[in-house]
Structure formats: C-alpha cells, structure tokens
Amino acid sequence: MFRRREPVPFAFIAEADKFRSNVAPPPRERATAGQIAGRSLIGLTVVAGLVGSLIFGMPALSPDRSPVATQHSEASDRR
C-alpha cells in the first residue's frame, strides 16, 4: 500500500474544538397567535384520529364470544 512520508498536521482538528465565534445568531422569531392556534389544531386532529381509530378498532381486536360465529349449512341440518 501507498504510505505518506510527510507527517499530516492534525492540529487544526484540535483547534476546531476551541474555536468560539464572536458572531451571535439572530434571535428567534416569536410565533404569532395564528401559528400557535394552527399547530394546536393540527395536534388535536392527530390525537383525535388516533383515539378514534382505537375506539373503532376495538371491536375488531376483541375475540368473538357469540355462538353465531360458527356457521352451519342447511344441508347438514336436513339429515
């Protein structure tokens, strides 16, 4: 394999951890009342959808206890 003969200076990596910028990021914009209301409505819609799907899906997840689940054909009843 090819090897480099000269040493590779990795000092810049160590200096990168110590570097501090003197430029402050701009302040975050505050959300308006409409944006807060919209986010709340979207969150409530998602939660209501999950709860509704759970409520409507519960009968499908529960085991059948009724004897009507076993079907008999009319031919077997006429013997």
N, C-alpha and C. Protein backbone atom coordinates (compact mmCIF):
# COMPACT_ATOMS: atom_id res chain seq x y z
N MET A 1 0.83 -1.18 0.00
CA MET A 1 0.00 0.00 0.00
C MET A 1 0.87 1.24 0.00
N PHE A 2 0.29 2.29 -0.46
CA PHE A 2 0.99 3.57 -0.52
C PHE A 2 0.97 4.24 0.84
N ARG A 3 2.11 4.66 1.32
CA ARG A 3 2.21 5.36 2.61
C ARG A 3 2.71 6.76 2.37
N ARG A 4 2.18 7.67 3.14
CA ARG A 4 2.66 9.05 3.06
C ARG A 4 3.93 9.18 3.88
N ARG A 5 4.87 9.88 3.35
CA ARG A 5 6.14 10.05 4.05
C ARG A 5 6.11 11.26 4.99
N GLU A 6 5.40 12.32 4.59
CA GLU A 6 5.42 13.52 5.42
C GLU A 6 4.33 13.41 6.49
N PRO A 7 4.55 13.98 7.66
CA PRO A 7 3.55 13.93 8.70
C PRO A 7 2.35 14.80 8.34
N VAL A 8 1.20 14.34 8.73
CA VAL A 8 -0.03 15.07 8.43
C VAL A 8 -0.36 15.91 9.67
N PRO A 9 -0.47 17.20 9.49
CA PRO A 9 -0.76 18.05 10.66
C PRO A 9 -2.24 17.97 11.04
N PHE A 10 -2.51 17.42 12.20
CA PHE A 10 -3.88 17.33 12.68
C PHE A 10 -4.17 18.36 13.76
N ALA A 11 -3.34 19.34 13.87
CA ALA A 11 -3.54 20.36 14.90
C ALA A 11 -4.79 21.18 14.63
N PHE A 12 -5.16 21.33 13.37
CA PHE A 12 -6.35 22.13 13.06
C PHE A 12 -7.62 21.48 13.59
N ILE A 13 -7.62 20.16 13.75
CA ILE A 13 -8.79 19.48 14.30
C ILE A 13 -8.91 19.80 15.79
N ALA A 14 -7.79 19.81 16.49
CA ALA A 14 -7.81 20.14 17.92
C ALA A 14 -8.20 21.60 18.13
N GLU A 15 -7.78 22.48 17.23
CA GLU A 15 -8.13 23.89 17.36
C GLU A 15 -9.61 24.13 17.06
N ALA A 16 -10.23 23.27 16.28
CA ALA A 16 -11.63 23.46 15.92
C ALA A 16 -12.53 23.34 17.14
N ASP A 17 -12.14 22.51 18.12
CA ASP A 17 -12.95 22.37 19.33
C ASP A 17 -12.89 23.62 20.20
N LYS A 18 -11.78 24.34 20.13
CA LYS A 18 -11.59 25.52 20.98
C LYS A 18 -12.15 26.79 20.35
N PHE A 19 -12.48 26.75 19.09
CA PHE A 19 -12.88 27.97 18.38
C PHE A 19 -14.24 28.45 18.86
N ARG A 20 -14.33 29.71 19.18
CA ARG A 20 -15.60 30.33 19.56
C ARG A 20 -15.84 31.51 18.64
N SER A 21 -17.02 31.57 18.12
CA SER A 21 -17.36 32.64 17.20
C SER A 21 -17.78 33.88 17.98
N ASN A 22 -17.46 35.03 17.44
CA ASN A 22 -17.89 36.28 18.07
C ASN A 22 -19.15 36.83 17.42
N VAL A 23 -19.75 36.05 16.52
CA VAL A 23 -20.98 36.46 15.84
C VAL A 23 -22.15 35.74 16.50
N ALA A 24 -23.08 36.49 17.03
CA ALA A 24 -24.25 35.91 17.68
C ALA A 24 -25.32 35.60 16.64
N PRO A 25 -26.00 34.48 16.75
CA PRO A 25 -27.08 34.18 15.81
C PRO A 25 -28.24 35.14 16.03
N PRO A 26 -29.03 35.35 15.00
CA PRO A 26 -30.17 36.27 15.16
C PRO A 26 -31.20 35.67 16.12
N PRO A 27 -31.93 36.50 16.83
CA PRO A 27 -32.93 35.97 17.77
C PRO A 27 -34.06 35.28 17.01
N ARG A 28 -34.63 34.26 17.66
CA ARG A 28 -35.72 33.53 17.02
C ARG A 28 -36.97 34.38 16.98
N GLU A 29 -37.71 34.25 15.90
CA GLU A 29 -38.97 34.98 15.79
C GLU A 29 -40.01 34.29 16.64
N ARG A 30 -40.82 35.08 17.31
CA ARG A 30 -41.89 34.52 18.12
C ARG A 30 -43.05 34.12 17.21
N ALA A 31 -43.68 33.02 17.57
CA ALA A 31 -44.81 32.54 16.79
C ALA A 31 -46.02 33.44 17.05
N THR A 32 -46.77 33.70 16.00
CA THR A 32 -47.96 34.51 16.15
C THR A 32 -49.08 33.66 16.75
N ALA A 33 -50.14 34.33 17.14
CA ALA A 33 -51.28 33.62 17.73
C ALA A 33 -51.89 32.66 16.71
N GLY A 34 -51.92 33.05 15.45
CA GLY A 34 -52.47 32.18 14.42
C GLY A 34 -51.64 30.92 14.23
N GLN A 35 -50.31 31.08 14.30
CA GLN A 35 -49.45 29.91 14.16
C GLN A 35 -49.61 28.96 15.34
N ILE A 36 -49.73 29.51 16.53
CA ILE A 36 -49.92 28.67 17.72
C ILE A 36 -51.26 27.95 17.64
N ALA A 37 -52.30 28.66 17.22
CA ALA A 37 -53.62 28.03 17.09
C ALA A 37 -53.61 26.94 16.02
N GLY A 38 -52.93 27.20 14.91
CA GLY A 38 -52.85 26.21 13.84
C GLY A 38 -52.12 24.96 14.29
N ARG A 39 -51.01 25.13 14.99
CA ARG A 39 -50.26 23.97 15.48
C ARG A 39 -51.09 23.18 16.49
N SER A 40 -51.83 23.90 17.33
CA SER A 40 -52.68 23.23 18.31
C SER A 40 -53.78 22.43 17.63
N LEU A 41 -54.39 23.01 16.60
CA LEU A 41 -55.46 22.30 15.88
C LEU A 41 -54.92 21.07 15.16
N ILE A 42 -53.74 21.19 14.59
CA ILE A 42 -53.15 20.03 13.91
C ILE A 42 -52.85 18.93 14.93
N GLY A 43 -52.31 19.31 16.08
CA GLY A 43 -52.04 18.33 17.13
C GLY A 43 -53.29 17.66 17.64
N LEU A 44 -54.34 18.45 17.85
CA LEU A 44 -55.61 17.88 18.32
C LEU A 44 -56.22 16.96 17.27
N THR A 45 -56.09 17.32 16.00
CA THR A 45 -56.62 16.48 14.92
C THR A 45 -55.91 15.14 14.88
N VAL A 46 -54.60 15.16 15.03
CA VAL A 46 -53.84 13.90 15.01
C VAL A 46 -54.21 13.04 16.21
N VAL A 47 -54.30 13.63 17.38
CA VAL A 47 -54.67 12.87 18.58
C VAL A 47 -56.08 12.32 18.46
N ALA A 48 -57.00 13.14 17.96
CA ALA A 48 -58.39 12.67 17.79
C ALA A 48 -58.46 11.53 16.78
N GLY A 49 -57.66 11.60 15.74
CA GLY A 49 -57.64 10.50 14.76
C GLY A 49 -57.12 9.21 15.36
N LEU A 50 -56.09 9.30 16.17
CA LEU A 50 -55.56 8.09 16.81
C LEU A 50 -56.55 7.51 17.81
N VAL A 51 -57.19 8.37 18.60
CA VAL A 51 -58.17 7.89 19.57
C VAL A 51 -59.38 7.30 18.85
N GLY A 52 -59.83 7.95 17.79
CA GLY A 52 -60.98 7.43 17.03
C GLY A 52 -60.68 6.09 16.39
N SER A 53 -59.48 5.95 15.83
CA SER A 53 -59.14 4.66 15.22
C SER A 53 -59.04 3.56 16.27
N LEU A 54 -58.60 3.92 17.46
CA LEU A 54 -58.55 2.93 18.54
C LEU A 54 -59.95 2.53 18.98
N ILE A 55 -60.84 3.52 19.09
CA ILE A 55 -62.22 3.21 19.52
C ILE A 55 -62.94 2.36 18.48
N PHE A 56 -62.81 2.73 17.20
CA PHE A 56 -63.49 1.96 16.16
C PHE A 56 -62.81 0.62 15.89
N GLY A 57 -61.53 0.50 16.24
CA GLY A 57 -60.83 -0.75 16.00
C GLY A 57 -60.94 -1.75 17.12
N MET A 58 -61.40 -1.33 18.29
CA MET A 58 -61.50 -2.24 19.42
C MET A 58 -62.43 -3.43 19.17
N PRO A 59 -63.58 -3.28 18.53
CA PRO A 59 -64.41 -4.47 18.26
C PRO A 59 -63.70 -5.49 17.37
N ALA A 60 -62.86 -5.03 16.46
CA ALA A 60 -62.16 -5.97 15.60
C ALA A 60 -61.05 -6.69 16.35
N LEU A 61 -60.54 -6.09 17.41
CA LEU A 61 -59.46 -6.71 18.17
C LEU A 61 -59.96 -7.64 19.26
N SER A 62 -61.22 -7.49 19.67
CA SER A 62 -61.73 -8.33 20.74
C SER A 62 -62.15 -9.70 20.18
N PRO A 63 -61.94 -10.76 20.96
CA PRO A 63 -62.33 -12.10 20.49
C PRO A 63 -63.86 -12.23 20.47
N ASP A 64 -64.36 -12.98 19.50
CA ASP A 64 -65.81 -13.20 19.40
C ASP A 64 -66.23 -14.21 20.45
N ARG A 65 -67.27 -13.85 21.21
CA ARG A 65 -67.79 -14.74 22.24
C ARG A 65 -69.17 -15.29 21.86
N SER A 66 -69.70 -14.83 20.78
CA SER A 66 -71.05 -15.24 20.41
C SER A 66 -71.02 -16.58 19.69
N PRO A 67 -72.02 -17.44 19.93
CA PRO A 67 -72.06 -18.74 19.24
C PRO A 67 -72.49 -18.60 17.78
N VAL A 68 -72.90 -17.42 17.37
CA VAL A 68 -73.33 -17.20 15.99
C VAL A 68 -72.12 -17.25 15.05
N ALA A 69 -70.94 -17.16 15.59
CA ALA A 69 -69.74 -17.12 14.76
C ALA A 69 -69.54 -18.43 13.99
N THR A 70 -70.00 -19.55 14.55
CA THR A 70 -69.88 -20.82 13.82
C THR A 70 -71.09 -20.95 12.90
N GLN A 71 -70.84 -21.15 11.64
CA GLN A 71 -71.92 -21.21 10.65
C GLN A 71 -72.21 -22.68 10.30
N HIS A 72 -73.49 -22.97 10.18
CA HIS A 72 -73.92 -24.31 9.78
C HIS A 72 -74.60 -24.18 8.43
N SER A 73 -74.37 -25.14 7.59
CA SER A 73 -75.06 -25.11 6.30
C SER A 73 -76.44 -25.77 6.45
N GLU A 74 -77.33 -25.46 5.54
CA GLU A 74 -78.68 -26.01 5.61
C GLU A 74 -78.69 -27.49 5.28
N ALA A 75 -77.72 -27.95 4.50
CA ALA A 75 -77.67 -29.35 4.13
C ALA A 75 -77.37 -30.23 5.36
N SER A 76 -76.56 -29.76 6.27
CA SER A 76 -76.25 -30.55 7.46
C SER A 76 -77.43 -30.58 8.42
N ASP A 77 -78.33 -29.59 8.37
CA ASP A 77 -79.50 -29.58 9.25
C ASP A 77 -80.61 -30.51 8.77
N ARG A 78 -80.65 -30.89 7.53
CA ARG A 78 -81.75 -31.69 6.94
C ARG A 78 -81.52 -33.20 7.07
N ARG A 79 -80.50 -33.67 7.67
CA ARG A 79 -80.21 -35.10 7.73
C ARG A 79 -81.26 -35.85 8.42
